[in-house]
Every structure is written in structure tokens, then in C-alpha cells.
Amino acid sequence: MDYSDLYVQRIRELCRRRGISINKLAAMSGVKQSTLDNIMRGITKNPRVKTLHKIALAFNMTLSAFLDFAELNDYAFEDEDED
């Protein structure tokens, strides 16, 4: 799994648990629908911290809580090419 896929998986799971759509998340977070769509489609591979923070707040979470999940914590970067 690609690093950016982890954000997408996390957002989808939190939306599913809370019963909200991606469209509703865009409205709740103040993140443009097009920006959120680009993240969810994998077009935006490295969203800004500010964007992730807005998404976390929409889920009533801190950014650190939003980013604290097993798949991200266990991710091995040595498998990727250096940027």
C-alpha cells in the first residue's frame, strides 16, 4: 500500500463509522470539494498539514489523533524512492 493510500483509507473509515459522505466531510471541514476529491482519488499524494488538520477537526479530532492509527504507525518508508 502506498503512503498516500493510508490517508484515503483513514478518511473513508472515519466517514463510514460516523455515517457521513465525502461531500458532507468537505462541507464540515471547509476543505474544497475538489481538494478532498483529489485526495480521495489519489491525485493529491501529499496533502498539506493545514488540509489534514481541517479534516481532523471535522471529525472532532486533533491532528495527532487523526494521524495515530496502526497502518500509518507501522508504515516502512525504506520501501519508497527518495524525493
PDB file of N, CA and C in Angstrom:
ATOM      1  N   MET A   1       0.845  -1.186   0.000  1.00  0.00           N
ATOM      2  CA  MET A   1       0.000   0.000   0.000  1.00  0.00           C
ATOM      3  C   MET A   1       0.884   1.240   0.000  1.00  0.00           C
ATOM      4  N   ASP A   2       0.544   2.181  -0.836  1.00  0.00           N
ATOM      5  CA  ASP A   2       1.248   3.454  -0.950  1.00  0.00           C
ATOM      6  C   ASP A   2       0.930   4.318   0.276  1.00  0.00           C
ATOM      7  N   TYR A   3       1.895   5.128   0.666  1.00  0.00           N
ATOM      8  CA  TYR A   3       1.742   6.010   1.829  1.00  0.00           C
ATOM      9  C   TYR A   3       0.482   6.872   1.722  1.00  0.00           C
ATOM     10  N   SER A   4       0.244   7.463   0.560  1.00  0.00           N
ATOM     11  CA  SER A   4      -0.920   8.341   0.392  1.00  0.00           C
ATOM     12  C   SER A   4      -2.233   7.578   0.507  1.00  0.00           C
ATOM     13  N   ASP A   5      -2.212   6.301   0.188  1.00  0.00           N
ATOM     14  CA  ASP A   5      -3.423   5.481   0.323  1.00  0.00           C
ATOM     15  C   ASP A   5      -3.856   5.359   1.780  1.00  0.00           C
ATOM     16  N   LEU A   6      -2.917   5.509   2.691  1.00  0.00           N
ATOM     17  CA  LEU A   6      -3.244   5.402   4.113  1.00  0.00           C
ATOM     18  C   LEU A   6      -4.170   6.523   4.564  1.00  0.00           C
ATOM     19  N   TYR A   7      -3.938   7.753   4.062  1.00  0.00           N
ATOM     20  CA  TYR A   7      -4.832   8.866   4.392  1.00  0.00           C
ATOM     21  C   TYR A   7      -6.226   8.599   3.860  1.00  0.00           C
ATOM     22  N   VAL A   8      -6.290   8.128   2.637  1.00  0.00           N
ATOM     23  CA  VAL A   8      -7.575   7.851   1.997  1.00  0.00           C
ATOM     24  C   VAL A   8      -8.327   6.790   2.790  1.00  0.00           C
ATOM     25  N   GLN A   9      -7.637   5.733   3.157  1.00  0.00           N
ATOM     26  CA  GLN A   9      -8.235   4.653   3.939  1.00  0.00           C
ATOM     27  C   GLN A   9      -8.747   5.190   5.278  1.00  0.00           C
ATOM     28  N   ARG A  10      -7.957   6.032   5.916  1.00  0.00           N
ATOM     29  CA  ARG A  10      -8.334   6.600   7.218  1.00  0.00           C
ATOM     30  C   ARG A  10      -9.584   7.473   7.084  1.00  0.00           C
ATOM     31  N   ILE A  11      -9.611   8.326   6.085  1.00  0.00           N
ATOM     32  CA  ILE A  11     -10.765   9.201   5.877  1.00  0.00           C
ATOM     33  C   ILE A  11     -12.012   8.371   5.586  1.00  0.00           C
ATOM     34  N   ARG A  12     -11.897   7.387   4.711  1.00  0.00           N
ATOM     35  CA  ARG A  12     -13.053   6.536   4.383  1.00  0.00           C
ATOM     36  C   ARG A  12     -13.584   5.807   5.610  1.00  0.00           C
ATOM     37  N   GLU A  13     -12.676   5.280   6.410  1.00  0.00           N
ATOM     38  CA  GLU A  13     -13.084   4.544   7.615  1.00  0.00           C
ATOM     39  C   GLU A  13     -13.785   5.461   8.609  1.00  0.00           C
ATOM     40  N   LEU A  14     -13.232   6.651   8.835  1.00  0.00           N
ATOM     41  CA  LEU A  14     -13.865   7.590   9.766  1.00  0.00           C
ATOM     42  C   LEU A  14     -15.221   8.054   9.249  1.00  0.00           C
ATOM     43  N   CYS A  15     -15.336   8.288   7.956  1.00  0.00           N
ATOM     44  CA  CYS A  15     -16.637   8.648   7.374  1.00  0.00           C
ATOM     45  C   CYS A  15     -17.642   7.515   7.558  1.00  0.00           C
ATOM     46  N   ARG A  16     -17.199   6.295   7.292  1.00  0.00           N
ATOM     47  CA  ARG A  16     -18.088   5.130   7.430  1.00  0.00           C
ATOM     48  C   ARG A  16     -18.579   5.007   8.875  1.00  0.00           C
ATOM     49  N   ARG A  17     -17.660   5.113   9.821  1.00  0.00           N
ATOM     50  CA  ARG A  17     -18.020   4.993  11.237  1.00  0.00           C
ATOM     51  C   ARG A  17     -19.009   6.066  11.676  1.00  0.00           C
ATOM     52  N   ARG A  18     -18.870   7.241  11.119  1.00  0.00           N
ATOM     53  CA  ARG A  18     -19.717   8.373  11.524  1.00  0.00           C
ATOM     54  C   ARG A  18     -20.932   8.556  10.626  1.00  0.00           C
ATOM     55  N   GLY A  19     -21.019   7.759   9.583  1.00  0.00           N
ATOM     56  CA  GLY A  19     -22.177   7.835   8.691  1.00  0.00           C
ATOM     57  C   GLY A  19     -22.246   9.120   7.884  1.00  0.00           C
ATOM     58  N   ILE A  20     -21.079   9.627   7.457  1.00  0.00           N
ATOM     59  CA  ILE A  20     -21.077  10.846   6.646  1.00  0.00           C
ATOM     60  C   ILE A  20     -20.422  10.569   5.299  1.00  0.00           C
ATOM     61  N   SER A  21     -20.842  11.319   4.316  1.00  0.00           N
ATOM     62  CA  SER A  21     -20.288  11.177   2.968  1.00  0.00           C
ATOM     63  C   SER A  21     -19.053  12.073   2.832  1.00  0.00           C
ATOM     64  N   ILE A  22     -18.313  11.849   1.778  1.00  0.00           N
ATOM     65  CA  ILE A  22     -17.164  12.712   1.475  1.00  0.00           C
ATOM     66  C   ILE A  22     -17.654  14.135   1.203  1.00  0.00           C
ATOM     67  N   ASN A  23     -18.799  14.269   0.535  1.00  0.00           N
ATOM     68  CA  ASN A  23     -19.362  15.605   0.286  1.00  0.00           C
ATOM     69  C   ASN A  23     -19.672  16.319   1.594  1.00  0.00           C
ATOM     70  N   LYS A  24     -20.255  15.604   2.527  1.00  0.00           N
ATOM     71  CA  LYS A  24     -20.572  16.180   3.836  1.00  0.00           C
ATOM     72  C   LYS A  24     -19.283  16.548   4.575  1.00  0.00           C
ATOM     73  N   LEU A  25     -18.271  15.705   4.473  1.00  0.00           N
ATOM     74  CA  LEU A  25     -16.984  15.992   5.107  1.00  0.00           C
ATOM     75  C   LEU A  25     -16.390  17.283   4.556  1.00  0.00           C
ATOM     76  N   ALA A  26     -16.496  17.483   3.252  1.00  0.00           N
ATOM     77  CA  ALA A  26     -15.985  18.721   2.654  1.00  0.00           C
ATOM     78  C   ALA A  26     -16.678  19.933   3.275  1.00  0.00           C
ATOM     79  N   ALA A  27     -17.987  19.852   3.405  1.00  0.00           N
ATOM     80  CA  ALA A  27     -18.741  20.965   3.996  1.00  0.00           C
ATOM     81  C   ALA A  27     -18.375  21.166   5.468  1.00  0.00           C
ATOM     82  N   MET A  28     -18.249  20.074   6.199  1.00  0.00           N
ATOM     83  CA  MET A  28     -17.927  20.157   7.634  1.00  0.00           C
ATOM     84  C   MET A  28     -16.522  20.689   7.880  1.00  0.00           C
ATOM     85  N   SER A  29     -15.591  20.351   7.003  1.00  0.00           N
ATOM     86  CA  SER A  29     -14.190  20.702   7.215  1.00  0.00           C
ATOM     87  C   SER A  29     -13.796  22.051   6.632  1.00  0.00           C
ATOM     88  N   GLY A  30     -14.566  22.523   5.669  1.00  0.00           N
ATOM     89  CA  GLY A  30     -14.179  23.744   4.977  1.00  0.00           C
ATOM     90  C   GLY A  30     -13.112  23.505   3.921  1.00  0.00           C
ATOM     91  N   VAL A  31     -12.836  22.237   3.642  1.00  0.00           N
ATOM     92  CA  VAL A  31     -11.906  21.876   2.575  1.00  0.00           C
ATOM     93  C   VAL A  31     -12.702  21.833   1.275  1.00  0.00           C
ATOM     94  N   LYS A  32     -12.172  22.446   0.242  1.00  0.00           N
ATOM     95  CA  LYS A  32     -12.876  22.458  -1.041  1.00  0.00           C
ATOM     96  C   LYS A  32     -13.184  21.037  -1.477  1.00  0.00           C
ATOM     97  N   GLN A  33     -14.358  20.871  -2.055  1.00  0.00           N
ATOM     98  CA  GLN A  33     -14.770  19.558  -2.554  1.00  0.00           C
ATOM     99  C   GLN A  33     -13.744  19.006  -3.534  1.00  0.00           C
ATOM    100  N   SER A  34     -13.243  19.859  -4.409  1.00  0.00           N
ATOM    101  CA  SER A  34     -12.267  19.406  -5.413  1.00  0.00           C
ATOM    102  C   SER A  34     -10.968  18.935  -4.751  1.00  0.00           C
ATOM    103  N   THR A  35     -10.551  19.610  -3.688  1.00  0.00           N
ATOM    104  CA  THR A  35      -9.342  19.214  -2.967  1.00  0.00           C
ATOM    105  C   THR A  35      -9.538  17.853  -2.316  1.00  0.00           C
ATOM    106  N   LEU A  36     -10.660  17.687  -1.652  1.00  0.00           N
ATOM    107  CA  LEU A  36     -10.939  16.415  -0.998  1.00  0.00           C
ATOM    108  C   LEU A  36     -11.087  15.291  -2.029  1.00  0.00           C
ATOM    109  N   ASP A  37     -11.745  15.579  -3.149  1.00  0.00           N
ATOM    110  CA  ASP A  37     -11.863  14.587  -4.223  1.00  0.00           C
ATOM    111  C   ASP A  37     -10.486  14.182  -4.747  1.00  0.00           C
ATOM    112  N   ASN A  38      -9.595  15.149  -4.911  1.00  0.00           N
ATOM    113  CA  ASN A  38      -8.237  14.849  -5.391  1.00  0.00           C
ATOM    114  C   ASN A  38      -7.468  13.975  -4.402  1.00  0.00           C
ATOM    115  N   ILE A  39      -7.668  14.201  -3.123  1.00  0.00           N
ATOM    116  CA  ILE A  39      -7.037  13.354  -2.108  1.00  0.00           C
ATOM    117  C   ILE A  39      -7.608  11.944  -2.195  1.00  0.00           C
ATOM    118  N   MET A  40      -8.930  11.846  -2.274  1.00  0.00           N
ATOM    119  CA  MET A  40      -9.588  10.546  -2.266  1.00  0.00           C
ATOM    120  C   MET A  40      -9.287   9.737  -3.529  1.00  0.00           C
ATOM    121  N   ARG A  41      -9.056  10.405  -4.632  1.00  0.00           N
ATOM    122  CA  ARG A  41      -8.736   9.719  -5.891  1.00  0.00           C
ATOM    123  C   ARG A  41      -7.251   9.412  -6.030  1.00  0.00           C
ATOM    124  N   GLY A  42      -6.447   9.920  -5.112  1.00  0.00           N
ATOM    125  CA  GLY A  42      -5.016   9.681  -5.178  1.00  0.00           C
ATOM    126  C   GLY A  42      -4.283  10.630  -6.095  1.00  0.00           C
ATOM    127  N   ILE A  43      -4.957  11.671  -6.561  1.00  0.00           N
ATOM    128  CA  ILE A  43      -4.315  12.680  -7.406  1.00  0.00           C
ATOM    129  C   ILE A  43      -3.380  13.529  -6.545  1.00  0.00           C
ATOM    130  N   THR A  44      -3.873  13.932  -5.378  1.00  0.00           N
ATOM    131  CA  THR A  44      -3.037  14.636  -4.404  1.00  0.00           C
ATOM    132  C   THR A  44      -2.439  13.580  -3.493  1.00  0.00           C
ATOM    133  N   LYS A  45      -1.142  13.368  -3.622  1.00  0.00           N
ATOM    134  CA  LYS A  45      -0.459  12.316  -2.870  1.00  0.00           C
ATOM    135  C   LYS A  45       0.034  12.794  -1.506  1.00  0.00           C
ATOM    136  N   ASN A  46       0.248  14.096  -1.378  1.00  0.00           N
ATOM    137  CA  ASN A  46       0.840  14.632  -0.164  1.00  0.00           C
ATOM    138  C   ASN A  46       0.063  15.870   0.282  1.00  0.00           C
ATOM    139  N   PRO A  47      -1.120  15.678   0.894  1.00  0.00           N
ATOM    140  CA  PRO A  47      -1.917  16.850   1.290  1.00  0.00           C
ATOM    141  C   PRO A  47      -1.188  17.693   2.328  1.00  0.00           C
ATOM    142  N   ARG A  48      -1.475  18.966   2.322  1.00  0.00           N
ATOM    143  CA  ARG A  48      -0.869  19.881   3.284  1.00  0.00           C
ATOM    144  C   ARG A  48      -1.342  19.561   4.699  1.00  0.00           C
ATOM    145  N   VAL A  49      -0.507  19.883   5.651  1.00  0.00           N
ATOM    146  CA  VAL A  49      -0.866  19.678   7.051  1.00  0.00           C
ATOM    147  C   VAL A  49      -2.126  20.471   7.389  1.00  0.00           C
ATOM    148  N   LYS A  50      -2.232  21.677   6.859  1.00  0.00           N
ATOM    149  CA  LYS A  50      -3.414  22.510   7.118  1.00  0.00           C
ATOM    150  C   LYS A  50      -4.684  21.801   6.653  1.00  0.00           C
ATOM    151  N   THR A  51      -4.627  21.144   5.503  1.00  0.00           N
ATOM    152  CA  THR A  51      -5.783  20.420   4.973  1.00  0.00           C
ATOM    153  C   THR A  51      -6.125  19.240   5.878  1.00  0.00           C
ATOM    154  N   LEU A  52      -5.113  18.471   6.266  1.00  0.00           N
ATOM    155  CA  LEU A  52      -5.351  17.339   7.157  1.00  0.00           C
ATOM    156  C   LEU A  52      -5.879  17.796   8.512  1.00  0.00           C
ATOM    157  N   HIS A  53      -5.400  18.944   8.975  1.00  0.00           N
ATOM    158  CA  HIS A  53      -5.871  19.492  10.251  1.00  0.00           C
ATOM    159  C   HIS A  53      -7.355  19.840  10.163  1.00  0.00           C
ATOM    160  N   LYS A  54      -7.771  20.469   9.071  1.00  0.00           N
ATOM    161  CA  LYS A  54      -9.187  20.800   8.886  1.00  0.00           C
ATOM    162  C   LYS A  54     -10.050  19.542   8.847  1.00  0.00           C
ATOM    163  N   ILE A  55      -9.561  18.509   8.181  1.00  0.00           N
ATOM    164  CA  ILE A  55     -10.292  17.239   8.115  1.00  0.00           C
ATOM    165  C   ILE A  55     -10.390  16.629   9.506  1.00  0.00           C
ATOM    166  N   ALA A  56      -9.295  16.636  10.243  1.00  0.00           N
ATOM    167  CA  ALA A  56      -9.295  16.096  11.611  1.00  0.00           C
ATOM    168  C   ALA A  56     -10.310  16.832  12.482  1.00  0.00           C
ATOM    169  N   LEU A  57     -10.328  18.154  12.395  1.00  0.00           N
ATOM    170  CA  LEU A  57     -11.278  18.936  13.196  1.00  0.00           C
ATOM    171  C   LEU A  57     -12.719  18.601  12.842  1.00  0.00           C
ATOM    172  N   ALA A  58     -12.991  18.336  11.570  1.00  0.00           N
ATOM    173  CA  ALA A  58     -14.343  17.951  11.159  1.00  0.00           C
ATOM    174  C   ALA A  58     -14.763  16.632  11.810  1.00  0.00           C
ATOM    175  N   PHE A  59     -13.796  15.776  12.072  1.00  0.00           N
ATOM    176  CA  PHE A  59     -14.065  14.517  12.765  1.00  0.00           C
ATOM    177  C   PHE A  59     -14.009  14.694  14.285  1.00  0.00           C
ATOM    178  N   ASN A  60     -13.859  15.948  14.737  1.00  0.00           N
ATOM    179  CA  ASN A  60     -13.755  16.272  16.155  1.00  0.00           C
ATOM    180  C   ASN A  60     -12.545  15.584  16.788  1.00  0.00           C
ATOM    181  N   MET A  61     -11.427  15.636  16.043  1.00  0.00           N
ATOM    182  CA  MET A  61     -10.187  15.011  16.484  1.00  0.00           C
ATOM    183  C   MET A  61      -9.059  16.031  16.385  1.00  0.00           C
ATOM    184  N   THR A  62      -8.029  15.813  17.171  1.00  0.00           N
ATOM    185  CA  THR A  62      -6.813  16.579  16.962  1.00  0.00           C
ATOM    186  C   THR A  62      -6.101  15.990  15.744  1.00  0.00           C
ATOM    187  N   LEU A  63      -5.189  16.737  15.179  1.00  0.00           N
ATOM    188  CA  LEU A  63      -4.420  16.220  14.052  1.00  0.00           C
ATOM    189  C   LEU A  63      -3.617  15.004  14.487  1.00  0.00           C
ATOM    190  N   SER A  64      -3.056  15.043  15.685  1.00  0.00           N
ATOM    191  CA  SER A  64      -2.267  13.897  16.146  1.00  0.00           C
ATOM    192  C   SER A  64      -3.132  12.647  16.305  1.00  0.00           C
ATOM    193  N   ALA A  65      -4.355  12.798  16.783  1.00  0.00           N
ATOM    194  CA  ALA A  65      -5.257  11.643  16.904  1.00  0.00           C
ATOM    195  C   ALA A  65      -5.646  11.119  15.520  1.00  0.00           C
ATOM    196  N   PHE A  66      -5.875  12.028  14.588  1.00  0.00           N
ATOM    197  CA  PHE A  66      -6.226  11.632  13.219  1.00  0.00           C
ATOM    198  C   PHE A  66      -5.098  10.815  12.589  1.00  0.00           C
ATOM    199  N   LEU A  67      -3.858  11.200  12.858  1.00  0.00           N
ATOM    200  CA  LEU A  67      -2.700  10.529  12.262  1.00  0.00           C
ATOM    201  C   LEU A  67      -2.208   9.334  13.072  1.00  0.00           C
ATOM    202  N   ASP A  68      -2.825   9.075  14.206  1.00  0.00           N
ATOM    203  CA  ASP A  68      -2.396   7.979  15.067  1.00  0.00           C
ATOM    204  C   ASP A  68      -3.257   6.740  14.806  1.00  0.00           C
ATOM    205  N   PHE A  69      -2.831   5.953  13.814  1.00  0.00           N
ATOM    206  CA  PHE A  69      -3.514   4.685  13.540  1.00  0.00           C
ATOM    207  C   PHE A  69      -2.472   3.672  13.077  1.00  0.00           C
ATOM    208  N   ALA A  70      -2.755   2.419  13.320  1.00  0.00           N
ATOM    209  CA  ALA A  70      -1.765   1.349  13.173  1.00  0.00           C
ATOM    210  C   ALA A  70      -1.099   1.319  11.801  1.00  0.00           C
ATOM    211  N   GLU A  71      -1.878   1.420  10.738  1.00  0.00           N
ATOM    212  CA  GLU A  71      -1.308   1.308   9.394  1.00  0.00           C
ATOM    213  C   GLU A  71      -0.266   2.390   9.117  1.00  0.00           C
ATOM    214  N   LEU A  72      -0.527   3.605   9.584  1.00  0.00           N
ATOM    215  CA  LEU A  72       0.437   4.692   9.396  1.00  0.00           C
ATOM    216  C   LEU A  72       1.631   4.515  10.334  1.00  0.00           C
ATOM    217  N   ASN A  73       1.361   4.142  11.567  1.00  0.00           N
ATOM    218  CA  ASN A  73       2.437   3.958  12.546  1.00  0.00           C
ATOM    219  C   ASN A  73       3.390   2.842  12.139  1.00  0.00           C
ATOM    220  N   ASP A  74       2.882   1.845  11.447  1.00  0.00           N
ATOM    221  CA  ASP A  74       3.690   0.690  11.052  1.00  0.00           C
ATOM    222  C   ASP A  74       4.273   0.818   9.645  1.00  0.00           C
ATOM    223  N   TYR A  75       4.032   1.930   8.976  1.00  0.00           N
ATOM    224  CA  TYR A  75       4.476   2.096   7.594  1.00  0.00           C
ATOM    225  C   TYR A  75       6.006   2.130   7.517  1.00  0.00           C
ATOM    226  N   ALA A  76       6.557   1.419   6.552  1.00  0.00           N
ATOM    227  CA  ALA A  76       8.009   1.365   6.360  1.00  0.00           C
ATOM    228  C   ALA A  76       8.399   2.234   5.174  1.00  0.00           C
ATOM    229  N   PHE A  77       9.092   3.334   5.440  1.00  0.00           N
ATOM    230  CA  PHE A  77       9.476   4.264   4.391  1.00  0.00           C
ATOM    231  C   PHE A  77      10.614   3.775   3.524  1.00  0.00           C
ATOM    232  N   GLU A  78      11.403   2.842   3.998  1.00  0.00           N
ATOM    233  CA  GLU A  78      12.560   2.409   3.215  1.00  0.00           C
ATOM    234  C   GLU A  78      12.169   1.735   1.901  1.00  0.00           C
ATOM    235  N   ASP A  79      10.890   1.400   1.756  1.00  0.00           N
ATOM    236  CA  ASP A  79      10.424   0.782   0.511  1.00  0.00           C
ATOM    237  C   ASP A  79      10.173   1.807  -0.594  1.00  0.00           C
ATOM    238  N   GLU A  80      10.199   3.089  -0.260  1.00  0.00           N
ATOM    239  CA  GLU A  80       9.900   4.139  -1.225  1.00  0.00           C
ATOM    240  C   GLU A  80      11.171   4.764  -1.782  1.00  0.00           C
ATOM    241  N   ASP A  81      11.024   5.344  -2.961  1.00  0.00           N
ATOM    242  CA  ASP A  81      12.126   6.121  -3.542  1.00  0.00           C
ATOM    243  C   ASP A  81      12.217   7.452  -2.817  1.00  0.00           C
ATOM    244  N   GLU A  82      13.415   7.961  -2.680  1.00  0.00           N
ATOM    245  CA  GLU A  82      13.610   9.270  -2.055  1.00  0.00           C
ATOM    246  C   GLU A  82      13.128  10.366  -2.995  1.00  0.00           C
ATOM    247  N   ASP A  83      12.484  11.381  -2.432  1.00  0.00           N
ATOM    248  CA  ASP A  83      12.018  12.550  -3.207  1.00  0.00           C
ATOM    249  C   ASP A  83      13.077  13.603  -3.237  1.00  0.00           C
TER     250      ASP A  83
END
